[in-house]
Protein backbone atom coordinates (compact mmCIF):
# COMPACT_ATOMS: atom_id res chain seq x y z
CA MET A 1 -38.94 8.99 -0.74
CA LEU A 2 -36.63 11.40 1.09
CA LEU A 3 -36.09 8.83 3.86
CA ALA A 4 -35.18 6.20 1.27
CA LEU A 5 -32.58 8.54 -0.29
CA VAL A 6 -31.07 9.29 3.11
CA LEU A 7 -30.87 5.59 3.95
CA LEU A 8 -29.36 4.73 0.56
CA SER A 9 -26.75 7.47 0.84
CA GLY A 10 -25.77 6.10 4.25
CA CYS A 11 -25.42 2.62 2.79
CA SER A 12 -23.23 3.78 -0.08
CA ARG A 13 -20.56 5.14 2.26
CA SER A 14 -17.75 2.63 2.63
CA ASP A 15 -16.72 1.60 6.08
CA PRO A 16 -13.17 2.43 7.27
CA GLU A 17 -11.85 -1.11 6.78
CA GLU A 18 -13.14 -1.28 3.23
CA ALA A 19 -11.55 2.09 2.45
CA LEU A 20 -8.27 0.97 4.04
CA ARG A 21 -8.22 -2.24 2.03
CA ALA A 22 -8.84 -0.15 -1.09
CA ALA A 23 -5.86 2.08 -0.18
CA VAL A 24 -3.59 -0.96 0.24
CA GLU A 25 -4.74 -2.24 -3.14
CA GLY A 26 -4.26 1.21 -4.69
CA LEU A 27 -0.68 1.31 -3.42
CA ARG A 28 -0.06 -2.18 -4.83
CA GLN A 29 -1.48 -1.12 -8.19
CA ALA A 30 0.66 2.05 -8.23
CA VAL A 31 3.77 -0.12 -7.77
CA GLU A 32 2.72 -2.47 -10.55
CA ALA A 33 1.88 0.50 -12.80
CA ARG A 34 5.50 1.63 -12.29
CA ASP A 35 4.34 5.06 -11.11
CA PRO A 36 6.54 6.42 -8.27
CA ALA A 37 4.48 9.62 -8.00
CA ALA A 38 1.31 7.58 -7.47
CA VAL A 39 3.12 5.46 -4.86
CA GLN A 40 4.17 8.62 -3.02
CA GLN A 41 0.57 9.89 -2.90
CA PHE A 42 -0.33 7.04 -0.56
CA LEU A 43 2.42 8.05 1.88
CA ALA A 44 1.95 10.53 4.74
CA GLU A 45 4.24 13.55 4.82
CA ASP A 46 5.97 12.09 7.91
CA PHE A 47 6.29 8.58 6.41
CA ILE A 48 9.08 6.43 7.83
CA GLY A 49 10.20 2.99 6.72
CA ASN A 50 13.07 0.61 7.28
CA ASP A 51 16.44 2.21 8.09
CA GLY A 52 14.90 5.69 8.36
CA LEU A 53 13.53 5.70 4.82
CA ASP A 54 11.44 8.87 4.41
CA ARG A 55 8.74 9.82 1.89
CA GLU A 56 11.16 11.20 -0.70
CA GLY A 57 13.51 8.26 -0.19
CA ALA A 58 10.61 5.88 -0.82
CA ARG A 59 9.86 7.64 -4.11
CA ARG A 60 13.55 7.43 -5.11
CA LEU A 61 13.69 3.74 -4.15
CA ALA A 62 10.56 3.02 -6.20
CA THR A 63 12.04 4.91 -9.16
CA ALA A 64 15.31 2.96 -8.96
CA VAL A 65 13.54 -0.40 -8.82
CA MET A 66 11.28 0.56 -11.71
CA LEU A 67 14.23 1.75 -13.83
CA ARG A 68 16.13 -1.45 -13.13
CA HIS A 69 13.25 -3.82 -13.86
CA ARG A 70 10.82 -3.63 -16.75
CA GLU A 71 8.19 -5.52 -14.79
CA VAL A 72 7.41 -5.21 -11.09
CA SER A 73 4.57 -7.13 -9.47
CA SER A 74 3.46 -8.31 -6.07
CA THR A 75 1.36 -10.95 -4.45
CA LEU A 76 -0.15 -10.10 -1.07
CA GLY A 77 -1.31 -12.62 1.49
CA PRO A 78 -4.43 -12.07 3.56
CA LEU A 79 -4.54 -8.70 5.32
CA ASP A 80 -4.83 -8.68 9.10
CA VAL A 81 -6.48 -5.30 9.69
CA ARG A 82 -6.77 -3.66 13.13
CA ILE A 83 -8.49 -0.26 13.19
CA ARG A 84 -8.44 2.10 16.19
CA ASP A 85 -10.34 5.32 15.51
CA SER A 86 -8.35 7.11 12.78
CA HIS A 87 -5.33 4.77 12.92
CA ALA A 88 -4.89 1.24 11.64
CA ASP A 89 -2.31 -1.50 11.59
CA VAL A 90 -2.19 -3.90 8.66
CA ARG A 91 -0.06 -7.04 8.69
CA PHE A 92 0.46 -9.36 5.76
CA GLN A 93 3.02 -11.27 3.78
CA ALA A 94 4.06 -10.01 0.36
CA VAL A 95 6.06 -11.56 -2.43
CA LEU A 96 7.68 -9.02 -4.74
CA HIS A 97 8.66 -10.08 -8.24
CA ALA A 98 10.80 -8.10 -10.67
CA GLY A 99 12.14 -8.92 -14.09
CA THR A 100 12.80 -8.08 -17.68
CA GLY A 101 9.52 -9.38 -19.03
CA SER A 102 10.48 -13.02 -19.45
CA LEU A 103 8.27 -15.82 -18.22
CA LEU A 104 10.10 -16.12 -14.88
CA PRO A 105 11.06 -13.17 -12.66
CA ASP A 106 14.72 -12.18 -12.36
CA THR A 107 14.23 -11.64 -8.64
CA ALA A 108 11.60 -12.54 -6.08
CA GLN A 109 11.55 -12.03 -2.34
CA ALA A 110 8.96 -12.71 0.36
CA TYR A 111 8.47 -10.25 3.23
CA ASP A 112 6.54 -9.98 6.46
CA VAL A 113 5.03 -6.48 6.37
CA GLN A 114 3.73 -4.39 9.27
CA ALA A 115 2.13 -1.18 8.06
CA SER A 116 0.61 1.65 10.08
CA TRP A 117 -1.96 3.86 8.38
CA ARG A 118 -3.63 7.09 9.46
CA LEU A 119 -6.85 8.68 8.24
CA GLU A 120 -6.02 12.14 6.84
CA GLY A 121 -8.78 14.25 5.34
CA GLY A 122 -10.87 11.21 4.53
CA ASP A 123 -8.01 9.25 2.92
CA TRP A 124 -5.86 6.54 4.47
CA ARG A 125 -2.13 7.42 4.35
CA LEU A 126 0.72 5.06 5.16
CA TYR A 127 2.90 6.67 7.85
CA HIS A 128 5.05 3.76 9.02
CA VAL A 129 6.06 0.47 7.48
CA ARG A 130 8.48 -2.24 8.44
CA TRP A 131 9.28 -5.14 6.17
CA THR A 132 11.37 -8.16 7.07
CA PRO A 133 12.58 -10.72 4.53
CA VAL A 134 11.02 -14.12 5.21
CA LEU A 135 13.97 -16.15 3.91
């Protein structure tokens, strides 16, 4: 019985890729929930993005977008995940949509995204991201 419990507890632990994919999805959901504080929780303290965007700047950018648009959503393409010990690179394409709540979005833009994540205290944190408009 004890052996069965030990084996089951080992099976219930998610593998690093599964946990990383869950973090990416959590970040996406935080954006769609229009919650800049939740977005910031996925970012490492030393986060850096395009044009030197830091962690606080990312929160301010998210706030500005969310104040400007009543609805913000995203569609992510397949994730290409590469894990090396406690670091990971995730590449994907994303389409961001924003609008006032009408049937069609006011704006939409596709991006190639390269994101670097680091395992910190058991949680994946985004520490570097670069996004490039596709069109």
